[in-house]
Amino acid sequence: MVPDPGPGEALVDIEACGVCHTDLHYREGGISDDFPFLLGHEAAGRVAAVGEGVTDVAPGDFVVLNWRAVCGECRACRKGKLQYCFATHNATQKMTLTDGTVLSPALGIGAFAERTLVAAGQCTKVPDADPAVVGLLGCGVMAGAGAAMLTGDIGRGDTVAVFGCGGVGDAAIAGAKLAGARTIIGVDLDDRKLEWARTFGATHTVNAGDQDPVEAVRELTDGFGADVCIEAVGNPAVLEQAFFARDLAGTVVQVGVPTPDMRFPDIPMIEFFGRGGALKPSWYGDCLPSRDFPLLVDLYLQGRFPLDQFVSERIGLEQVEEAFHKMERGEVLRSVVVL
């Protein structure tokens, strides 16, 4: 059951929702144990109704859902750093099964359903476009592109290495290309994923099973290492490779989601000190949805950002379980549920 929207809430008819690795983490209890979950969060649709006090969106608006509905009041927001908001909003009312069982919506969204209830700030109005494509900005694509353009602050002429060429890593590659990087190196163990990386803009690829990725990145960057290394796997060993593959005073961005049991790699402090630069975790690509979603949709519609290439297949809700297995086997970038 989905209640009518209360103050500050919006009811959204879902048109499409990507099957994201974060949903798999929820399914396996890797994020919380607040079962049962209503999965799905990488979604687009149309606003069906809004509650009292909602002015930013109206019924009929085409929106991409986001899980960063900034509060405007926390210490980060008061500093003008809304992308770091510490108190993002979710809907107050709960969605339930027909027997009254309360559901926990993944990332406060829960979009593997025909209709969902969210905080109005989780709705970002964007130009009309294919919902199966632009909905992917709701999580993985924005996380990767933002890791490159916002967290990594890649500039024209920079050299970049992206470790992990799945959906998030390929979005980082596309973001690096858009930002003007001259050399973009994709690193992975899977030749199929390395081929995907080339389609998104990688100028070079490295199979880390065949050669030392640190040495390979250095060879491709005049012996110095990359200006920006992006870790898009969520693995301490890969983060260590990214750390040593960067140039002096270079930047490491970690956007891959680790599991709670993982520990920071055992890097000697003299290496941390002596190499300088920055180590930067990237949460949601440091994005501000109200600013970044419309921009990237515009760039997609202009043919300048390849959002549509992330859609590997369009499926029905009944195929989500198989989509999880395809994800685990590395067969798809994104399966997208179309409702």
C-alpha atoms as a PDB file:
ATOM      1  CA  MET A   1       0.000   0.000   0.000  1.00  0.00           C
ATOM      2  CA  VAL A   2       1.257   3.460  -0.920  1.00  0.00           C
ATOM      3  CA  PRO A   3      -0.260   6.323   1.088  1.00  0.00           C
ATOM      4  CA  ASP A   4      -1.263   9.678  -0.363  1.00  0.00           C
ATOM      5  CA  PRO A   5       1.531  12.233  -0.038  1.00  0.00           C
ATOM      6  CA  GLY A   6       1.729  14.188   3.175  1.00  0.00           C
ATOM      7  CA  PRO A   7       3.487  17.511   3.769  1.00  0.00           C
ATOM      8  CA  GLY A   8       6.766  17.657   1.866  1.00  0.00           C
ATOM      9  CA  GLU A   9       6.136  14.372   0.059  1.00  0.00           C
ATOM     10  CA  ALA A  10       5.512  13.346  -3.551  1.00  0.00           C
ATOM     11  CA  LEU A  11       3.865  10.349  -5.156  1.00  0.00           C
ATOM     12  CA  VAL A  12       5.655   9.189  -8.311  1.00  0.00           C
ATOM     13  CA  ASP A  13       4.514   6.823 -11.040  1.00  0.00           C
ATOM     14  CA  ILE A  14       7.642   4.852 -11.913  1.00  0.00           C
ATOM     15  CA  GLU A  15       8.360   4.379 -15.620  1.00  0.00           C
ATOM     16  CA  ALA A  16      11.773   2.684 -15.397  1.00  0.00           C
ATOM     17  CA  CYS A  17      14.288   1.632 -12.760  1.00  0.00           C
ATOM     18  CA  GLY A  18      17.821   0.311 -13.120  1.00  0.00           C
ATOM     19  CA  VAL A  19      19.038  -2.802 -11.312  1.00  0.00           C
ATOM     20  CA  CYS A  20      21.971  -1.409  -9.325  1.00  0.00           C
ATOM     21  CA  HIS A  21      24.663  -3.224  -7.368  1.00  0.00           C
ATOM     22  CA  THR A  22      23.512  -1.346  -4.265  1.00  0.00           C
ATOM     23  CA  ASP A  23      20.185  -3.199  -4.536  1.00  0.00           C
ATOM     24  CA  LEU A  24      22.174  -6.427  -4.459  1.00  0.00           C
ATOM     25  CA  HIS A  25      23.956  -5.223  -1.306  1.00  0.00           C
ATOM     26  CA  TYR A  26      20.558  -4.589   0.296  1.00  0.00           C
ATOM     27  CA  ARG A  27      19.254  -7.980  -0.830  1.00  0.00           C
ATOM     28  CA  GLU A  28      22.204  -9.739   0.793  1.00  0.00           C
ATOM     29  CA  GLY A  29      22.046  -7.750   4.043  1.00  0.00           C
ATOM     30  CA  GLY A  30      25.274  -5.904   3.313  1.00  0.00           C
ATOM     31  CA  ILE A  31      23.839  -2.469   4.110  1.00  0.00           C
ATOM     32  CA  SER A  32      21.331  -3.116   6.875  1.00  0.00           C
ATOM     33  CA  ASP A  33      19.100  -5.878   8.180  1.00  0.00           C
ATOM     34  CA  ASP A  34      15.907  -3.823   8.163  1.00  0.00           C
ATOM     35  CA  PHE A  35      14.000  -6.393   6.102  1.00  0.00           C
ATOM     36  CA  PRO A  36      11.747  -6.541   4.150  1.00  0.00           C
ATOM     37  CA  PHE A  37      13.148  -4.070   1.649  1.00  0.00           C
ATOM     38  CA  LEU A  38      11.439  -2.492  -1.313  1.00  0.00           C
ATOM     39  CA  LEU A  39      14.387  -2.423  -3.684  1.00  0.00           C
ATOM     40  CA  GLY A  40      15.033  -0.141  -6.628  1.00  0.00           C
ATOM     41  CA  HIS A  41      16.323   3.422  -6.538  1.00  0.00           C
ATOM     42  CA  GLU A  42      17.805   4.269  -9.957  1.00  0.00           C
ATOM     43  CA  ALA A  43      14.526   5.494 -11.369  1.00  0.00           C
ATOM     44  CA  ALA A  44      12.605   7.981 -13.461  1.00  0.00           C
ATOM     45  CA  GLY A  45       8.901   8.657 -13.742  1.00  0.00           C
ATOM     46  CA  ARG A  46       6.162  11.266 -13.438  1.00  0.00           C
ATOM     47  CA  VAL A  47       4.864  13.003 -10.368  1.00  0.00           C
ATOM     48  CA  ALA A  48       1.305  11.835  -9.672  1.00  0.00           C
ATOM     49  CA  ALA A  49       0.555  14.008  -6.636  1.00  0.00           C
ATOM     50  CA  VAL A  50       2.301  16.221  -4.100  1.00  0.00           C
ATOM     51  CA  GLY A  51       1.657  17.019  -0.486  1.00  0.00           C
ATOM     52  CA  GLU A  52       1.206  20.280   1.337  1.00  0.00           C
ATOM     53  CA  GLY A  53       4.010  22.805   0.985  1.00  0.00           C
ATOM     54  CA  VAL A  54       5.615  21.242  -2.110  1.00  0.00           C
ATOM     55  CA  THR A  55       6.477  23.864  -4.710  1.00  0.00           C
ATOM     56  CA  ASP A  56       9.533  22.575  -6.619  1.00  0.00           C
ATOM     57  CA  VAL A  57       7.639  19.836  -8.484  1.00  0.00           C
ATOM     58  CA  ALA A  58       4.036  19.426  -9.587  1.00  0.00           C
ATOM     59  CA  PRO A  59       1.835  16.617 -10.911  1.00  0.00           C
ATOM     60  CA  GLY A  60       2.847  15.710 -14.447  1.00  0.00           C
ATOM     61  CA  ASP A  61       6.514  16.677 -14.046  1.00  0.00           C
ATOM     62  CA  PHE A  62       9.036  14.192 -15.453  1.00  0.00           C
ATOM     63  CA  VAL A  63      11.599  13.492 -12.731  1.00  0.00           C
ATOM     64  CA  VAL A  64      14.677  11.435 -11.931  1.00  0.00           C
ATOM     65  CA  LEU A  65      14.673  10.219  -8.341  1.00  0.00           C
ATOM     66  CA  ASN A  66      17.668  10.847  -6.117  1.00  0.00           C
ATOM     67  CA  TRP A  67      18.726   9.883  -2.628  1.00  0.00           C
ATOM     68  CA  ARG A  68      20.248  13.251  -1.758  1.00  0.00           C
ATOM     69  CA  ALA A  69      17.297  15.461  -0.855  1.00  0.00           C
ATOM     70  CA  VAL A  70      19.227  18.211   0.892  1.00  0.00           C
ATOM     71  CA  CYS A  71      17.855  19.569   4.162  1.00  0.00           C
ATOM     72  CA  GLY A  72      19.202  23.121   3.851  1.00  0.00           C
ATOM     73  CA  GLU A  73      19.711  23.297   7.609  1.00  0.00           C
ATOM     74  CA  CYS A  74      22.595  21.013   8.659  1.00  0.00           C
ATOM     75  CA  ARG A  75      26.144  22.265   9.197  1.00  0.00           C
ATOM     76  CA  ALA A  76      27.196  21.264   5.653  1.00  0.00           C
ATOM     77  CA  CYS A  77      24.246  23.070   4.082  1.00  0.00           C
ATOM     78  CA  ARG A  78      24.871  26.161   6.227  1.00  0.00           C
ATOM     79  CA  LYS A  79      28.433  26.216   4.838  1.00  0.00           C
ATOM     80  CA  GLY A  80      27.045  26.197   1.303  1.00  0.00           C
ATOM     81  CA  LYS A  81      28.239  22.627   0.687  1.00  0.00           C
ATOM     82  CA  LEU A  82      24.861  21.089  -0.051  1.00  0.00           C
ATOM     83  CA  GLN A  83      26.477  18.087  -1.779  1.00  0.00           C
ATOM     84  CA  TYR A  84      27.680  16.969   1.658  1.00  0.00           C
ATOM     85  CA  CYS A  85      24.279  17.313   3.369  1.00  0.00           C
ATOM     86  CA  PHE A  86      24.270  15.222   6.554  1.00  0.00           C
ATOM     87  CA  ALA A  87      20.485  15.043   6.960  1.00  0.00           C
ATOM     88  CA  THR A  88      18.940  14.251   3.602  1.00  0.00           C
ATOM     89  CA  HIS A  89      15.157  13.834   3.575  1.00  0.00           C
ATOM     90  CA  ASN A  90      13.053  10.744   2.995  1.00  0.00           C
ATOM     91  CA  ALA A  91       9.284  10.364   3.051  1.00  0.00           C
ATOM     92  CA  THR A  92       7.857  10.337   6.571  1.00  0.00           C
ATOM     93  CA  GLN A  93       5.007   7.948   5.851  1.00  0.00           C
ATOM     94  CA  LYS A  94       5.664   4.268   5.304  1.00  0.00           C
ATOM     95  CA  MET A  95       4.726   2.017   2.403  1.00  0.00           C
ATOM     96  CA  THR A  96       3.396  -1.398   3.395  1.00  0.00           C
ATOM     97  CA  LEU A  97       2.393  -4.776   2.073  1.00  0.00           C
ATOM     98  CA  THR A  98      -1.336  -5.497   1.923  1.00  0.00           C
ATOM     99  CA  ASP A  99      -1.081  -7.261   5.302  1.00  0.00           C
ATOM    100  CA  GLY A 100       0.342  -4.116   6.916  1.00  0.00           C
ATOM    101  CA  THR A 101       3.992  -5.185   6.958  1.00  0.00           C
ATOM    102  CA  VAL A 102       6.142  -2.047   6.779  1.00  0.00           C
ATOM    103  CA  LEU A 103       8.613  -1.915   3.898  1.00  0.00           C
ATOM    104  CA  SER A 104      12.074  -0.339   4.010  1.00  0.00           C
ATOM    105  CA  PRO A 105      12.619   1.485   0.704  1.00  0.00           C
ATOM    106  CA  ALA A 106      16.168   1.150  -0.632  1.00  0.00           C
ATOM    107  CA  LEU A 107      17.937   4.504  -0.214  1.00  0.00           C
ATOM    108  CA  GLY A 108      14.589   5.983   0.757  1.00  0.00           C
ATOM    109  CA  ILE A 109      13.139   5.384  -2.717  1.00  0.00           C
ATOM    110  CA  GLY A 110      11.861   1.837  -3.372  1.00  0.00           C
ATOM    111  CA  ALA A 111      11.203   1.995  -7.119  1.00  0.00           C
ATOM    112  CA  PHE A 112      10.724  -1.644  -8.128  1.00  0.00           C
ATOM    113  CA  ALA A 113       7.027  -0.806  -8.085  1.00  0.00           C
ATOM    114  CA  GLU A 114       4.516   0.999 -10.251  1.00  0.00           C
ATOM    115  CA  ARG A 115       4.274   3.829  -7.728  1.00  0.00           C
ATOM    116  CA  THR A 116       6.399   5.025  -4.807  1.00  0.00           C
ATOM    117  CA  LEU A 117       6.291   7.701  -2.113  1.00  0.00           C
ATOM    118  CA  VAL A 118       9.360   9.895  -1.595  1.00  0.00           C
ATOM    119  CA  ALA A 119      10.348  13.212  -0.104  1.00  0.00           C
ATOM    120  CA  ALA A 120       9.638  15.890  -2.702  1.00  0.00           C
ATOM    121  CA  GLY A 121      13.321  16.852  -2.639  1.00  0.00           C
ATOM    122  CA  GLN A 122      14.123  13.394  -3.983  1.00  0.00           C
ATOM    123  CA  CYS A 123      12.409  14.366  -7.252  1.00  0.00           C
ATOM    124  CA  THR A 124      14.638  16.209  -9.718  1.00  0.00           C
ATOM    125  CA  LYS A 125      12.769  17.685 -12.663  1.00  0.00           C
ATOM    126  CA  VAL A 126      14.604  17.089 -15.954  1.00  0.00           C
ATOM    127  CA  PRO A 127      13.803  17.498 -19.662  1.00  0.00           C
ATOM    128  CA  ASP A 128      11.581  14.759 -21.085  1.00  0.00           C
ATOM    129  CA  ALA A 129      13.716  11.841 -22.253  1.00  0.00           C
ATOM    130  CA  ASP A 130      13.795   8.043 -22.304  1.00  0.00           C
ATOM    131  CA  PRO A 131      13.174   7.102 -18.639  1.00  0.00           C
ATOM    132  CA  ALA A 132      15.162   3.856 -18.943  1.00  0.00           C
ATOM    133  CA  VAL A 133      18.192   5.933 -19.889  1.00  0.00           C
ATOM    134  CA  VAL A 134      18.041   9.070 -17.753  1.00  0.00           C
ATOM    135  CA  GLY A 135      16.904   7.182 -14.650  1.00  0.00           C
ATOM    136  CA  LEU A 136      20.425   5.767 -14.397  1.00  0.00           C
ATOM    137  CA  LEU A 137      21.585   9.188 -13.203  1.00  0.00           C
ATOM    138  CA  GLY A 138      19.808   8.341  -9.961  1.00  0.00           C
ATOM    139  CA  CYS A 139      22.796   6.342  -8.735  1.00  0.00           C
ATOM    140  CA  GLY A 140      25.568   4.562 -10.629  1.00  0.00           C
ATOM    141  CA  VAL A 141      26.147   6.826 -13.608  1.00  0.00           C
ATOM    142  CA  MET A 142      26.070   9.981 -11.492  1.00  0.00           C
ATOM    143  CA  ALA A 143      28.386   8.375  -8.944  1.00  0.00           C
ATOM    144  CA  GLY A 144      30.974   7.547 -11.601  1.00  0.00           C
ATOM    145  CA  ALA A 145      30.713  10.719 -13.657  1.00  0.00           C
ATOM    146  CA  GLY A 146      30.755  12.834 -10.503  1.00  0.00           C
ATOM    147  CA  ALA A 147      33.791  10.986  -9.164  1.00  0.00           C
ATOM    148  CA  ALA A 148      35.661  12.137 -12.263  1.00  0.00           C
ATOM    149  CA  MET A 149      34.292  15.626 -12.843  1.00  0.00           C
ATOM    150  CA  LEU A 150      33.450  16.764  -9.314  1.00  0.00           C
ATOM    151  CA  THR A 151      35.468  14.791  -6.745  1.00  0.00           C
ATOM    152  CA  GLY A 152      38.490  14.256  -8.988  1.00  0.00           C
ATOM    153  CA  ASP A 153      38.152  17.700 -10.574  1.00  0.00           C
ATOM    154  CA  ILE A 154      39.657  16.357 -13.796  1.00  0.00           C
ATOM    155  CA  GLY A 155      40.740  19.138 -16.112  1.00  0.00           C
ATOM    156  CA  ARG A 156      41.739  19.544 -19.737  1.00  0.00           C
ATOM    157  CA  GLY A 157      44.905  17.643 -20.551  1.00  0.00           C
ATOM    158  CA  ASP A 158      44.903  15.494 -17.405  1.00  0.00           C
ATOM    159  CA  THR A 159      45.864  11.833 -17.375  1.00  0.00           C
ATOM    160  CA  VAL A 160      43.399   9.479 -15.702  1.00  0.00           C
ATOM    161  CA  ALA A 161      43.318   5.812 -14.710  1.00  0.00           C
ATOM    162  CA  VAL A 162      40.040   4.123 -13.773  1.00  0.00           C
ATOM    163  CA  PHE A 163      40.327   0.862 -11.851  1.00  0.00           C
ATOM    164  CA  GLY A 164      37.212  -1.226 -12.452  1.00  0.00           C
ATOM    165  CA  CYS A 165      35.269  -0.870 -15.698  1.00  0.00           C
ATOM    166  CA  GLY A 166      31.747  -1.784 -14.717  1.00  0.00           C
ATOM    167  CA  GLY A 167      28.887   0.711 -14.785  1.00  0.00           C
ATOM    168  CA  VAL A 168      30.385   3.156 -12.284  1.00  0.00           C
ATOM    169  CA  GLY A 169      33.887   2.914 -13.743  1.00  0.00           C
ATOM    170  CA  ASP A 170      32.646   3.430 -17.294  1.00  0.00           C
ATOM    171  CA  ALA A 171      30.665   6.448 -16.132  1.00  0.00           C
ATOM    172  CA  ALA A 172      33.906   7.803 -14.654  1.00  0.00           C
ATOM    173  CA  ILE A 173      35.599   7.218 -18.015  1.00  0.00           C
ATOM    174  CA  ALA A 174      32.794   9.054 -19.816  1.00  0.00           C
ATOM    175  CA  GLY A 175      33.042  11.874 -17.265  1.00  0.00           C
ATOM    176  CA  ALA A 176      36.812  12.101 -17.707  1.00  0.00           C
ATOM    177  CA  LYS A 177      36.376  12.356 -21.468  1.00  0.00           C
ATOM    178  CA  LEU A 178      33.742  15.062 -21.070  1.00  0.00           C
ATOM    179  CA  ALA A 179      36.097  16.966 -18.745  1.00  0.00           C
ATOM    180  CA  GLY A 180      38.854  16.971 -21.386  1.00  0.00           C
ATOM    181  CA  ALA A 181      41.317  14.351 -20.138  1.00  0.00           C
ATOM    182  CA  ARG A 182      43.929  13.539 -22.790  1.00  0.00           C
ATOM    183  CA  THR A 183      44.792  10.031 -21.576  1.00  0.00           C
ATOM    184  CA  ILE A 184      42.169   7.745 -20.009  1.00  0.00           C
ATOM    185  CA  ILE A 185      43.290   4.277 -18.942  1.00  0.00           C
ATOM    186  CA  GLY A 186      40.747   1.592 -18.084  1.00  0.00           C
ATOM    187  CA  VAL A 187      41.983  -1.182 -15.767  1.00  0.00           C
ATOM    188  CA  ASP A 188      40.095  -4.435 -15.192  1.00  0.00           C
ATOM    189  CA  LEU A 189      40.493  -8.210 -15.157  1.00  0.00           C
ATOM    190  CA  ASP A 190      37.753  -8.823 -17.730  1.00  0.00           C
ATOM    191  CA  ASP A 191      38.488  -8.235 -21.410  1.00  0.00           C
ATOM    192  CA  ARG A 192      34.778  -7.739 -22.093  1.00  0.00           C
ATOM    193  CA  LYS A 193      34.683  -4.870 -19.618  1.00  0.00           C
ATOM    194  CA  LEU A 194      37.834  -3.400 -21.115  1.00  0.00           C
ATOM    195  CA  GLU A 195      36.103  -3.364 -24.490  1.00  0.00           C
ATOM    196  CA  TRP A 196      33.173  -1.510 -22.875  1.00  0.00           C
ATOM    197  CA  ALA A 197      35.660   0.974 -21.437  1.00  0.00           C
ATOM    198  CA  ARG A 198      36.966   1.786 -24.903  1.00  0.00           C
ATOM    199  CA  THR A 199      33.448   2.548 -26.136  1.00  0.00           C
ATOM    200  CA  PHE A 200      33.044   5.116 -23.345  1.00  0.00           C
ATOM    201  CA  GLY A 201      36.295   6.909 -24.097  1.00  0.00           C
ATOM    202  CA  ALA A 202      39.233   4.964 -22.685  1.00  0.00           C
ATOM    203  CA  THR A 203      42.293   5.707 -24.809  1.00  0.00           C
ATOM    204  CA  HIS A 204      44.149   2.701 -23.372  1.00  0.00           C
ATOM    205  CA  THR A 205      43.188  -0.436 -21.443  1.00  0.00           C
ATOM    206  CA  VAL A 206      45.105  -2.697 -19.087  1.00  0.00           C
ATOM    207  CA  ASN A 207      44.186  -6.246 -18.104  1.00  0.00           C
ATOM    208  CA  ALA A 208      45.419  -6.423 -14.503  1.00  0.00           C
ATOM    209  CA  GLY A 209      45.579 -10.203 -14.732  1.00  0.00           C
ATOM    210  CA  ASP A 210      48.151 -10.047 -17.513  1.00  0.00           C
ATOM    211  CA  GLN A 211      50.417  -7.238 -16.284  1.00  0.00           C
ATOM    212  CA  ASP A 212      51.163  -5.133 -13.230  1.00  0.00           C
ATOM    213  CA  PRO A 213      48.577  -2.323 -13.474  1.00  0.00           C
ATOM    214  CA  VAL A 214      50.756   0.153 -11.562  1.00  0.00           C
ATOM    215  CA  GLU A 215      53.669  -0.276 -13.946  1.00  0.00           C
ATOM    216  CA  ALA A 216      51.344  -0.270 -16.934  1.00  0.00           C
ATOM    217  CA  VAL A 217      49.745   3.034 -15.901  1.00  0.00           C
ATOM    218  CA  ARG A 218      53.187   4.560 -15.376  1.00  0.00           C
ATOM    219  CA  GLU A 219      54.358   3.410 -18.806  1.00  0.00           C
ATOM    220  CA  LEU A 220      51.320   5.029 -20.394  1.00  0.00           C
ATOM    221  CA  THR A 221      51.905   8.334 -18.573  1.00  0.00           C
ATOM    222  CA  ASP A 222      55.561   9.007 -19.435  1.00  0.00           C
ATOM    223  CA  GLY A 223      56.756   7.143 -16.354  1.00  0.00           C
ATOM    224  CA  PHE A 224      55.057   9.500 -13.898  1.00  0.00           C
ATOM    225  CA  GLY A 225      51.688   7.965 -13.056  1.00  0.00           C
ATOM    226  CA  ALA A 226      48.232   9.412 -13.673  1.00  0.00           C
ATOM    227  CA  ASP A 227      47.076  12.796 -12.449  1.00  0.00           C
ATOM    228  CA  VAL A 228      43.862  11.210 -11.176  1.00  0.00           C
ATOM    229  CA  CYS A 229      43.294   7.539 -10.293  1.00  0.00           C
ATOM    230  CA  ILE A 230      39.713   6.429  -9.656  1.00  0.00           C
ATOM    231  CA  GLU A 231      39.019   3.238  -7.711  1.00  0.00           C
ATOM    232  CA  ALA A 232      35.600   1.964  -8.815  1.00  0.00           C
ATOM    233  CA  VAL A 233      35.672  -1.539  -7.338  1.00  0.00           C
ATOM    234  CA  GLY A 234      35.525  -1.104  -3.566  1.00  0.00           C
ATOM    235  CA  ASN A 235      38.483  -3.341  -2.759  1.00  0.00           C
ATOM    236  CA  PRO A 236      41.523  -2.494  -0.577  1.00  0.00           C
ATOM    237  CA  ALA A 237      43.998  -4.177  -2.936  1.00  0.00           C
ATOM    238  CA  VAL A 238      42.672  -2.183  -5.881  1.00  0.00           C
ATOM    239  CA  LEU A 239      42.756   1.027  -3.839  1.00  0.00           C
ATOM    240  CA  GLU A 240      46.423   0.327  -3.105  1.00  0.00           C
ATOM    241  CA  GLN A 241      47.098  -0.076  -6.819  1.00  0.00           C
ATOM    242  CA  ALA A 242      45.376   3.241  -7.516  1.00  0.00           C
ATOM    243  CA  PHE A 243      47.425   4.910  -4.778  1.00  0.00           C
ATOM    244  CA  PHE A 244      50.746   3.833  -6.284  1.00  0.00           C
ATOM    245  CA  ALA A 245      49.669   4.404  -9.894  1.00  0.00           C
ATOM    246  CA  ARG A 246      49.178   8.160  -9.448  1.00  0.00           C
ATOM    247  CA  ASP A 247      51.712  10.884 -10.101  1.00  0.00           C
ATOM    248  CA  LEU A 248      53.323  12.837  -7.254  1.00  0.00           C
ATOM    249  CA  ALA A 249      50.753  15.274  -5.892  1.00  0.00           C
ATOM    250  CA  GLY A 250      48.096  13.375  -7.848  1.00  0.00           C
ATOM    251  CA  THR A 251      44.629  12.487  -6.623  1.00  0.00           C
ATOM    252  CA  VAL A 252      43.079   9.142  -5.721  1.00  0.00           C
ATOM    253  CA  VAL A 253      39.273   9.020  -5.776  1.00  0.00           C
ATOM    254  CA  GLN A 254      37.580   6.031  -4.180  1.00  0.00           C
ATOM    255  CA  VAL A 255      34.001   5.572  -5.420  1.00  0.00           C
ATOM    256  CA  GLY A 256      33.675   1.768  -5.338  1.00  0.00           C
ATOM    257  CA  VAL A 257      31.508   0.651  -2.410  1.00  0.00           C
ATOM    258  CA  PRO A 258      33.378  -1.640   0.037  1.00  0.00           C
ATOM    259  CA  THR A 259      31.815  -4.119   2.434  1.00  0.00           C
ATOM    260  CA  PRO A 260      31.868  -3.243   6.168  1.00  0.00           C
ATOM    261  CA  ASP A 261      34.592  -5.801   6.950  1.00  0.00           C
ATOM    262  CA  MET A 262      37.165  -4.288   4.571  1.00  0.00           C
ATOM    263  CA  ARG A 263      40.115  -2.334   5.967  1.00  0.00           C
ATOM    264  CA  PHE A 264      42.204   0.448   4.492  1.00  0.00           C
ATOM    265  CA  PRO A 265      45.282  -0.983   2.717  1.00  0.00           C
ATOM    266  CA  ASP A 266      48.543  -1.262   4.640  1.00  0.00           C
ATOM    267  CA  ILE A 267      50.330   1.672   3.020  1.00  0.00           C
ATOM    268  CA  PRO A 268      53.535   2.914   4.734  1.00  0.00           C
ATOM    269  CA  MET A 269      53.004   6.381   6.177  1.00  0.00           C
ATOM    270  CA  ILE A 270      56.172   7.631   4.501  1.00  0.00           C
ATOM    271  CA  GLU A 271      54.547   6.822   1.150  1.00  0.00           C
ATOM    272  CA  PHE A 272      51.388   8.641   2.185  1.00  0.00           C
ATOM    273  CA  PHE A 273      53.429  11.644   3.272  1.00  0.00           C
ATOM    274  CA  GLY A 274      55.999  11.630   0.504  1.00  0.00           C
ATOM    275  CA  ARG A 275      53.612  11.386  -2.431  1.00  0.00           C
ATOM    276  CA  GLY A 276      51.474  14.345  -1.417  1.00  0.00           C
ATOM    277  CA  GLY A 277      48.318  15.000  -3.337  1.00  0.00           C
ATOM    278  CA  ALA A 278      44.910  13.881  -2.126  1.00  0.00           C
ATOM    279  CA  LEU A 279      42.932  10.778  -1.204  1.00  0.00           C
ATOM    280  CA  LYS A 280      39.243  11.528  -1.650  1.00  0.00           C
ATOM    281  CA  PRO A 281      36.250   9.276  -1.036  1.00  0.00           C
ATOM    282  CA  SER A 282      33.382  10.101  -3.374  1.00  0.00           C
ATOM    283  CA  TRP A 283      29.847   9.661  -2.064  1.00  0.00           C
ATOM    284  CA  TYR A 284      27.306   9.864  -4.907  1.00  0.00           C
ATOM    285  CA  GLY A 285      29.973  11.546  -7.004  1.00  0.00           C
ATOM    286  CA  ASP A 286      29.738  14.647  -4.778  1.00  0.00           C
ATOM    287  CA  CYS A 287      26.756  15.601  -6.902  1.00  0.00           C
ATOM    288  CA  LEU A 288      23.965  18.069  -6.299  1.00  0.00           C
ATOM    289  CA  PRO A 289      21.029  16.499  -8.181  1.00  0.00           C
ATOM    290  CA  SER A 290      19.155  19.754  -8.778  1.00  0.00           C
ATOM    291  CA  ARG A 291      22.241  21.122 -10.537  1.00  0.00           C
ATOM    292  CA  ASP A 292      23.796  18.049 -12.135  1.00  0.00           C
ATOM    293  CA  PHE A 293      20.906  15.867 -13.349  1.00  0.00           C
ATOM    294  CA  PRO A 294      19.401  18.446 -15.756  1.00  0.00           C
ATOM    295  CA  LEU A 295      22.870  19.293 -17.074  1.00  0.00           C
ATOM    296  CA  LEU A 296      23.739  15.685 -17.886  1.00  0.00           C
ATOM    297  CA  VAL A 297      20.325  15.042 -19.431  1.00  0.00           C
ATOM    298  CA  ASP A 298      20.841  18.079 -21.663  1.00  0.00           C
ATOM    299  CA  LEU A 299      24.280  16.786 -22.664  1.00  0.00           C
ATOM    300  CA  TYR A 300      22.784  13.361 -23.409  1.00  0.00           C
ATOM    301  CA  LEU A 301      20.065  14.906 -25.596  1.00  0.00           C
ATOM    302  CA  GLN A 302      22.779  16.863 -27.446  1.00  0.00           C
ATOM    303  CA  GLY A 303      24.698  13.637 -28.111  1.00  0.00           C
ATOM    304  CA  ARG A 304      27.615  14.692 -25.908  1.00  0.00           C
ATOM    305  CA  PHE A 305      27.182  12.224 -23.004  1.00  0.00           C
ATOM    306  CA  PRO A 306      26.498   8.538 -23.847  1.00  0.00           C
ATOM    307  CA  LEU A 307      23.868   7.719 -21.234  1.00  0.00           C
ATOM    308  CA  ASP A 308      22.049   5.306 -23.526  1.00  0.00           C
ATOM    309  CA  GLN A 309      25.121   3.076 -23.847  1.00  0.00           C
ATOM    310  CA  PHE A 310      24.769   2.026 -20.203  1.00  0.00           C
ATOM    311  CA  VAL A 311      21.465   0.236 -20.879  1.00  0.00           C
ATOM    312  CA  SER A 312      22.341  -3.395 -21.624  1.00  0.00           C
ATOM    313  CA  GLU A 313      18.782  -4.708 -21.573  1.00  0.00           C
ATOM    314  CA  ARG A 314      15.219  -3.719 -20.737  1.00  0.00           C
ATOM    315  CA  ILE A 315      13.331  -6.193 -18.572  1.00  0.00           C
ATOM    316  CA  GLY A 316      10.136  -6.708 -16.592  1.00  0.00           C
ATOM    317  CA  LEU A 317       9.892  -6.767 -12.790  1.00  0.00           C
ATOM    318  CA  GLU A 318       9.720 -10.554 -12.823  1.00  0.00           C
ATOM    319  CA  GLN A 319      13.225 -10.676 -14.322  1.00  0.00           C
ATOM    320  CA  VAL A 320      15.016  -8.747 -11.554  1.00  0.00           C
ATOM    321  CA  GLU A 321      16.393 -11.851  -9.875  1.00  0.00           C
ATOM    322  CA  GLU A 322      18.031 -13.035 -13.088  1.00  0.00           C
ATOM    323  CA  ALA A 323      19.336  -9.493 -13.625  1.00  0.00           C
ATOM    324  CA  PHE A 324      21.154  -9.767 -10.278  1.00  0.00           C
ATOM    325  CA  HIS A 325      22.838 -12.958 -11.480  1.00  0.00           C
ATOM    326  CA  LYS A 326      23.849 -11.323 -14.773  1.00  0.00           C
ATOM    327  CA  MET A 327      25.335  -8.461 -12.782  1.00  0.00           C
ATOM    328  CA  GLU A 328      27.320 -10.874 -10.609  1.00  0.00           C
ATOM    329  CA  ARG A 329      28.642 -12.610 -13.741  1.00  0.00           C
ATOM    330  CA  GLY A 330      29.644  -9.287 -15.281  1.00  0.00           C
ATOM    331  CA  GLU A 331      27.392  -9.776 -18.311  1.00  0.00           C
ATOM    332  CA  VAL A 332      25.649  -6.392 -18.212  1.00  0.00           C
ATOM    333  CA  LEU A 333      26.332  -2.769 -17.424  1.00  0.00           C
ATOM    334  CA  ARG A 334      22.710  -2.139 -16.465  1.00  0.00           C
ATOM    335  CA  SER A 335      19.525  -4.126 -16.699  1.00  0.00           C
ATOM    336  CA  VAL A 336      16.621  -1.673 -16.558  1.00  0.00           C
ATOM    337  CA  VAL A 337      13.111  -2.553 -15.412  1.00  0.00           C
ATOM    338  CA  VAL A 338      10.512  -0.878 -17.620  1.00  0.00           C
ATOM    339  CA  LEU A 339       7.052  -0.542 -16.118  1.00  0.00           C
END
